[in-house]
Amino acid sequence: MLKLFIALQLTVLTVRDALEDRARIQRDERGSVTIQEVLWAVAAIAIVGIVVAAIRAFVTSESGKIK
């Protein structure tokens, strides 16, 4: 009876480890593309914000010169 219990426990542990490995491999790559796209979007928004601020400052300073 003890041999059966030990064999069953080893089988369950082996299957559990295999499932955890499979889940960890899937989790390692999942979402990496999304994070990269979000970072590029944030960078693009920041660049656009800087350009808009520069244009706005230029137009404001030039409009002050109009008589």
PDB file of N, CA and C in Angstrom:
ATOM      1  N   MET A   1       0.823  -1.196   0.000  1.00  0.00           N
ATOM      2  CA  MET A   1       0.000   0.000   0.000  1.00  0.00           C
ATOM      3  C   MET A   1       0.867   1.260   0.000  1.00  0.00           C
ATOM      4  N   LEU A   2       1.949   1.225   0.740  1.00  0.00           N
ATOM      5  CA  LEU A   2       2.848   2.374   0.796  1.00  0.00           C
ATOM      6  C   LEU A   2       3.496   2.618  -0.557  1.00  0.00           C
ATOM      7  N   LYS A   3       3.860   1.546  -1.275  1.00  0.00           N
ATOM      8  CA  LYS A   3       4.453   1.692  -2.608  1.00  0.00           C
ATOM      9  C   LYS A   3       3.466   2.343  -3.572  1.00  0.00           C
ATOM     10  N   LEU A   4       2.216   1.965  -3.476  1.00  0.00           N
ATOM     11  CA  LEU A   4       1.188   2.558  -4.336  1.00  0.00           C
ATOM     12  C   LEU A   4       1.030   4.044  -4.034  1.00  0.00           C
ATOM     13  N   PHE A   5       1.013   4.407  -2.749  1.00  0.00           N
ATOM     14  CA  PHE A   5       0.882   5.810  -2.361  1.00  0.00           C
ATOM     15  C   PHE A   5       2.069   6.628  -2.854  1.00  0.00           C
ATOM     16  N   ILE A   6       3.269   6.087  -2.722  1.00  0.00           N
ATOM     17  CA  ILE A   6       4.479   6.792  -3.173  1.00  0.00           C
ATOM     18  C   ILE A   6       4.465   6.949  -4.688  1.00  0.00           C
ATOM     19  N   ALA A   7       4.076   5.909  -5.406  1.00  0.00           N
ATOM     20  CA  ALA A   7       4.015   5.987  -6.868  1.00  0.00           C
ATOM     21  C   ALA A   7       2.986   7.013  -7.308  1.00  0.00           C
ATOM     22  N   LEU A   8       1.833   7.024  -6.638  1.00  0.00           N
ATOM     23  CA  LEU A   8       0.787   7.990  -6.969  1.00  0.00           C
ATOM     24  C   LEU A   8       1.256   9.420  -6.676  1.00  0.00           C
ATOM     25  N   GLN A   9       1.922   9.614  -5.558  1.00  0.00           N
ATOM     26  CA  GLN A   9       2.418  10.936  -5.197  1.00  0.00           C
ATOM     27  C   GLN A   9       3.474  11.421  -6.191  1.00  0.00           C
ATOM     28  N   LEU A  10       4.376  10.552  -6.607  1.00  0.00           N
ATOM     29  CA  LEU A  10       5.388  10.924  -7.596  1.00  0.00           C
ATOM     30  C   LEU A  10       4.756  11.271  -8.933  1.00  0.00           C
ATOM     31  N   THR A  11       3.737  10.523  -9.313  1.00  0.00           N
ATOM     32  CA  THR A  11       3.045  10.803 -10.570  1.00  0.00           C
ATOM     33  C   THR A  11       2.367  12.166 -10.520  1.00  0.00           C
ATOM     34  N   VAL A  12       1.695  12.448  -9.429  1.00  0.00           N
ATOM     35  CA  VAL A  12       1.007  13.734  -9.295  1.00  0.00           C
ATOM     36  C   VAL A  12       2.019  14.880  -9.303  1.00  0.00           C
ATOM     37  N   LEU A  13       3.124  14.724  -8.597  1.00  0.00           N
ATOM     38  CA  LEU A  13       4.134  15.773  -8.566  1.00  0.00           C
ATOM     39  C   LEU A  13       4.765  15.993  -9.937  1.00  0.00           C
ATOM     40  N   THR A  14       4.995  14.921 -10.669  1.00  0.00           N
ATOM     41  CA  THR A  14       5.579  15.036 -12.007  1.00  0.00           C
ATOM     42  C   THR A  14       4.630  15.768 -12.948  1.00  0.00           C
ATOM     43  N   VAL A  15       3.370  15.405 -12.913  1.00  0.00           N
ATOM     44  CA  VAL A  15       2.373  16.058 -13.767  1.00  0.00           C
ATOM     45  C   VAL A  15       2.237  17.530 -13.382  1.00  0.00           C
ATOM     46  N   ARG A  16       2.231  17.812 -12.081  1.00  0.00           N
ATOM     47  CA  ARG A  16       2.111  19.199 -11.631  1.00  0.00           C
ATOM     48  C   ARG A  16       3.302  20.038 -12.092  1.00  0.00           C
ATOM     49  N   ASP A  17       4.498  19.480 -11.974  1.00  0.00           N
ATOM     50  CA  ASP A  17       5.689  20.202 -12.431  1.00  0.00           C
ATOM     51  C   ASP A  17       5.649  20.464 -13.931  1.00  0.00           C
ATOM     52  N   ALA A  18       5.192  19.471 -14.699  1.00  0.00           N
ATOM     53  CA  ALA A  18       5.101  19.648 -16.148  1.00  0.00           C
ATOM     54  C   ALA A  18       4.097  20.744 -16.497  1.00  0.00           C
ATOM     55  N   LEU A  19       2.971  20.770 -15.802  1.00  0.00           N
ATOM     56  CA  LEU A  19       1.969  21.806 -16.060  1.00  0.00           C
ATOM     57  C   LEU A  19       2.477  23.188 -15.648  1.00  0.00           C
ATOM     58  N   GLU A  20       3.205  23.273 -14.548  1.00  0.00           N
ATOM     59  CA  GLU A  20       3.757  24.561 -14.123  1.00  0.00           C
ATOM     60  C   GLU A  20       4.795  25.055 -15.116  1.00  0.00           C
ATOM     61  N   ASP A  21       5.633  24.145 -15.635  1.00  0.00           N
ATOM     62  CA  ASP A  21       6.620  24.540 -16.636  1.00  0.00           C
ATOM     63  C   ASP A  21       5.938  25.060 -17.891  1.00  0.00           C
ATOM     64  N   ARG A  22       4.908  24.374 -18.307  1.00  0.00           N
ATOM     65  CA  ARG A  22       4.182  24.790 -19.502  1.00  0.00           C
ATOM     66  C   ARG A  22       3.525  26.146 -19.288  1.00  0.00           C
ATOM     67  N   ALA A  23       2.948  26.368 -18.120  1.00  0.00           N
ATOM     68  CA  ALA A  23       2.296  27.648 -17.822  1.00  0.00           C
ATOM     69  C   ALA A  23       3.335  28.766 -17.728  1.00  0.00           C
ATOM     70  N   ARG A  24       4.498  28.488 -17.134  1.00  0.00           N
ATOM     71  CA  ARG A  24       5.525  29.508 -16.997  1.00  0.00           C
ATOM     72  C   ARG A  24       6.084  29.907 -18.354  1.00  0.00           C
ATOM     73  N   ILE A  25       6.253  28.972 -19.247  1.00  0.00           N
ATOM     74  CA  ILE A  25       6.758  29.279 -20.589  1.00  0.00           C
ATOM     75  C   ILE A  25       5.761  30.175 -21.318  1.00  0.00           C
ATOM     76  N   GLN A  26       4.484  29.891 -21.190  1.00  0.00           N
ATOM     77  CA  GLN A  26       3.477  30.713 -21.854  1.00  0.00           C
ATOM     78  C   GLN A  26       3.416  32.102 -21.234  1.00  0.00           C
ATOM     79  N   ARG A  27       3.572  32.204 -19.922  1.00  0.00           N
ATOM     80  CA  ARG A  27       3.483  33.498 -19.266  1.00  0.00           C
ATOM     81  C   ARG A  27       4.700  34.368 -19.547  1.00  0.00           C
ATOM     82  N   ASP A  28       5.847  33.754 -19.794  1.00  0.00           N
ATOM     83  CA  ASP A  28       7.050  34.541 -20.025  1.00  0.00           C
ATOM     84  C   ASP A  28       6.916  35.426 -21.254  1.00  0.00           C
ATOM     85  N   GLU A  29       6.291  34.947 -22.300  1.00  0.00           N
ATOM     86  CA  GLU A  29       6.202  35.698 -23.548  1.00  0.00           C
ATOM     87  C   GLU A  29       4.878  36.423 -23.704  1.00  0.00           C
ATOM     88  N   ARG A  30       3.887  36.005 -22.988  1.00  0.00           N
ATOM     89  CA  ARG A  30       2.579  36.603 -23.165  1.00  0.00           C
ATOM     90  C   ARG A  30       2.585  38.040 -22.660  1.00  0.00           C
ATOM     91  N   GLY A  31       2.110  38.966 -23.483  1.00  0.00           N
ATOM     92  CA  GLY A  31       2.019  40.357 -23.076  1.00  0.00           C
ATOM     93  C   GLY A  31       3.234  41.198 -23.419  1.00  0.00           C
ATOM     94  N   SER A  32       4.304  40.577 -23.858  1.00  0.00           N
ATOM     95  CA  SER A  32       5.502  41.368 -24.140  1.00  0.00           C
ATOM     96  C   SER A  32       5.292  42.287 -25.331  1.00  0.00           C
ATOM     97  N   VAL A  33       4.541  41.842 -26.325  1.00  0.00           N
ATOM     98  CA  VAL A  33       4.266  42.686 -27.485  1.00  0.00           C
ATOM     99  C   VAL A  33       3.380  43.854 -27.076  1.00  0.00           C
ATOM    100  N   THR A  34       2.425  43.585 -26.230  1.00  0.00           N
ATOM    101  CA  THR A  34       1.522  44.639 -25.786  1.00  0.00           C
ATOM    102  C   THR A  34       2.276  45.708 -25.011  1.00  0.00           C
ATOM    103  N   ILE A  35       3.171  45.296 -24.132  1.00  0.00           N
ATOM    104  CA  ILE A  35       3.958  46.260 -23.364  1.00  0.00           C
ATOM    105  C   ILE A  35       4.821  47.096 -24.296  1.00  0.00           C
ATOM    106  N   GLN A  36       5.405  46.453 -25.290  1.00  0.00           N
ATOM    107  CA  GLN A  36       6.250  47.174 -26.241  1.00  0.00           C
ATOM    108  C   GLN A  36       5.413  48.195 -27.016  1.00  0.00           C
ATOM    109  N   GLU A  37       4.241  47.807 -27.437  1.00  0.00           N
ATOM    110  CA  GLU A  37       3.380  48.731 -28.173  1.00  0.00           C
ATOM    111  C   GLU A  37       2.944  49.898 -27.291  1.00  0.00           C
ATOM    112  N   VAL A  38       2.666  49.645 -26.035  1.00  0.00           N
ATOM    113  CA  VAL A  38       2.278  50.717 -25.122  1.00  0.00           C
ATOM    114  C   VAL A  38       3.438  51.691 -24.932  1.00  0.00           C
ATOM    115  N   LEU A  39       4.652  51.170 -24.784  1.00  0.00           N
ATOM    116  CA  LEU A  39       5.805  52.051 -24.628  1.00  0.00           C
ATOM    117  C   LEU A  39       6.034  52.902 -25.867  1.00  0.00           C
ATOM    118  N   TRP A  40       5.869  52.316 -27.049  1.00  0.00           N
ATOM    119  CA  TRP A  40       6.013  53.106 -28.285  1.00  0.00           C
ATOM    120  C   TRP A  40       4.920  54.166 -28.369  1.00  0.00           C
ATOM    121  N   ALA A  41       3.708  53.824 -27.968  1.00  0.00           N
ATOM    122  CA  ALA A  41       2.619  54.804 -27.994  1.00  0.00           C
ATOM    123  C   ALA A  41       2.896  55.956 -27.038  1.00  0.00           C
ATOM    124  N   VAL A  42       3.395  55.642 -25.854  1.00  0.00           N
ATOM    125  CA  VAL A  42       3.730  56.691 -24.883  1.00  0.00           C
ATOM    126  C   VAL A  42       4.840  57.583 -25.434  1.00  0.00           C
ATOM    127  N   ALA A  43       5.840  56.974 -26.068  1.00  0.00           N
ATOM    128  CA  ALA A  43       6.935  57.763 -26.650  1.00  0.00           C
ATOM    129  C   ALA A  43       6.413  58.670 -27.764  1.00  0.00           C
ATOM    130  N   ALA A  44       5.532  58.133 -28.601  1.00  0.00           N
ATOM    131  CA  ALA A  44       4.974  58.937 -29.698  1.00  0.00           C
ATOM    132  C   ALA A  44       4.150  60.101 -29.149  1.00  0.00           C
ATOM    133  N   ILE A  45       3.359  59.840 -28.121  1.00  0.00           N
ATOM    134  CA  ILE A  45       2.552  60.905 -27.522  1.00  0.00           C
ATOM    135  C   ILE A  45       3.451  61.980 -26.907  1.00  0.00           C
ATOM    136  N   ALA A  46       4.525  61.563 -26.274  1.00  0.00           N
ATOM    137  CA  ALA A  46       5.458  62.533 -25.676  1.00  0.00           C
ATOM    138  C   ALA A  46       6.112  63.394 -26.746  1.00  0.00           C
ATOM    139  N   ILE A  47       6.515  62.768 -27.850  1.00  0.00           N
ATOM    140  CA  ILE A  47       7.143  63.518 -28.943  1.00  0.00           C
ATOM    141  C   ILE A  47       6.153  64.511 -29.541  1.00  0.00           C
ATOM    142  N   VAL A  48       4.935  64.068 -29.767  1.00  0.00           N
ATOM    143  CA  VAL A  48       3.911  64.955 -30.312  1.00  0.00           C
ATOM    144  C   VAL A  48       3.638  66.112 -29.349  1.00  0.00           C
ATOM    145  N   GLY A  49       3.601  65.832 -28.064  1.00  0.00           N
ATOM    146  CA  GLY A  49       3.390  66.881 -27.072  1.00  0.00           C
ATOM    147  C   GLY A  49       4.503  67.916 -27.094  1.00  0.00           C
ATOM    148  N   ILE A  50       5.738  67.468 -27.240  1.00  0.00           N
ATOM    149  CA  ILE A  50       6.871  68.394 -27.313  1.00  0.00           C
ATOM    150  C   ILE A  50       6.786  69.262 -28.567  1.00  0.00           C
ATOM    151  N   VAL A  51       6.439  68.644 -29.695  1.00  0.00           N
ATOM    152  CA  VAL A  51       6.319  69.390 -30.957  1.00  0.00           C
ATOM    153  C   VAL A  51       5.193  70.419 -30.865  1.00  0.00           C
ATOM    154  N   VAL A  52       4.059  70.006 -30.303  1.00  0.00           N
ATOM    155  CA  VAL A  52       2.930  70.931 -30.164  1.00  0.00           C
ATOM    156  C   VAL A  52       3.306  72.090 -29.256  1.00  0.00           C
ATOM    157  N   ALA A  53       4.007  71.816 -28.162  1.00  0.00           N
ATOM    158  CA  ALA A  53       4.422  72.892 -27.251  1.00  0.00           C
ATOM    159  C   ALA A  53       5.389  73.847 -27.940  1.00  0.00           C
ATOM    160  N   ALA A  54       6.302  73.315 -28.751  1.00  0.00           N
ATOM    161  CA  ALA A  54       7.257  74.169 -29.461  1.00  0.00           C
ATOM    162  C   ALA A  54       6.543  75.047 -30.489  1.00  0.00           C
ATOM    163  N   ILE A  55       5.621  74.461 -31.236  1.00  0.00           N
ATOM    164  CA  ILE A  55       4.880  75.236 -32.245  1.00  0.00           C
ATOM    165  C   ILE A  55       4.017  76.302 -31.568  1.00  0.00           C
ATOM    166  N   ARG A  56       3.386  75.913 -30.468  1.00  0.00           N
ATOM    167  CA  ARG A  56       2.537  76.868 -29.758  1.00  0.00           C
ATOM    168  C   ARG A  56       3.359  78.041 -29.227  1.00  0.00           C
ATOM    169  N   ALA A  57       4.533  77.755 -28.680  1.00  0.00           N
ATOM    170  CA  ALA A  57       5.400  78.827 -28.172  1.00  0.00           C
ATOM    171  C   ALA A  57       5.859  79.733 -29.304  1.00  0.00           C
ATOM    172  N   PHE A  58       6.197  79.137 -30.451  1.00  0.00           N
ATOM    173  CA  PHE A  58       6.631  79.935 -31.590  1.00  0.00           C
ATOM    174  C   PHE A  58       5.502  80.835 -32.092  1.00  0.00           C
ATOM    175  N   VAL A  59       4.317  80.246 -32.259  1.00  0.00           N
ATOM    176  CA  VAL A  59       3.179  81.031 -32.764  1.00  0.00           C
ATOM    177  C   VAL A  59       2.812  82.130 -31.770  1.00  0.00           C
ATOM    178  N   THR A  60       2.852  81.844 -30.489  1.00  0.00           N
ATOM    179  CA  THR A  60       2.541  82.852 -29.474  1.00  0.00           C
ATOM    180  C   THR A  60       3.542  83.999 -29.519  1.00  0.00           C
ATOM    181  N   SER A  61       4.812  83.661 -29.637  1.00  0.00           N
ATOM    182  CA  SER A  61       5.838  84.717 -29.674  1.00  0.00           C
ATOM    183  C   SER A  61       5.740  85.532 -30.969  1.00  0.00           C
ATOM    184  N   GLU A  62       5.434  84.903 -32.074  1.00  0.00           N
ATOM    185  CA  GLU A  62       5.314  85.628 -33.340  1.00  0.00           C
ATOM    186  C   GLU A  62       4.040  86.461 -33.401  1.00  0.00           C
ATOM    187  N   SER A  63       2.972  85.990 -32.775  1.00  0.00           N
ATOM    188  CA  SER A  63       1.737  86.760 -32.792  1.00  0.00           C
ATOM    189  C   SER A  63       1.860  88.036 -31.959  1.00  0.00           C
ATOM    190  N   GLY A  64       2.771  88.042 -31.017  1.00  0.00           N
ATOM    191  CA  GLY A  64       3.012  89.245 -30.233  1.00  0.00           C
ATOM    192  C   GLY A  64       3.687  90.328 -31.051  1.00  0.00           C
ATOM    193  N   LYS A  65       4.323  89.960 -32.139  1.00  0.00           N
ATOM    194  CA  LYS A  65       5.021  90.931 -32.999  1.00  0.00           C
ATOM    195  C   LYS A  65       4.080  91.595 -34.003  1.00  0.00           C
ATOM    196  N   ILE A  66       2.882  91.082 -34.147  1.00  0.00           N
ATOM    197  CA  ILE A  66       1.932  91.647 -35.110  1.00  0.00           C
ATOM    198  C   ILE A  66       1.389  92.969 -34.566  1.00  0.00           C
ATOM    199  N   LYS A  67       1.344  93.999 -35.434  1.00  0.00           N
ATOM    200  CA  LYS A  67       0.850  95.314 -35.011  1.00  0.00           C
ATOM    201  C   LYS A  67      -0.567  95.515 -35.447  1.00  0.00           C
TER     202      LYS A  67
END
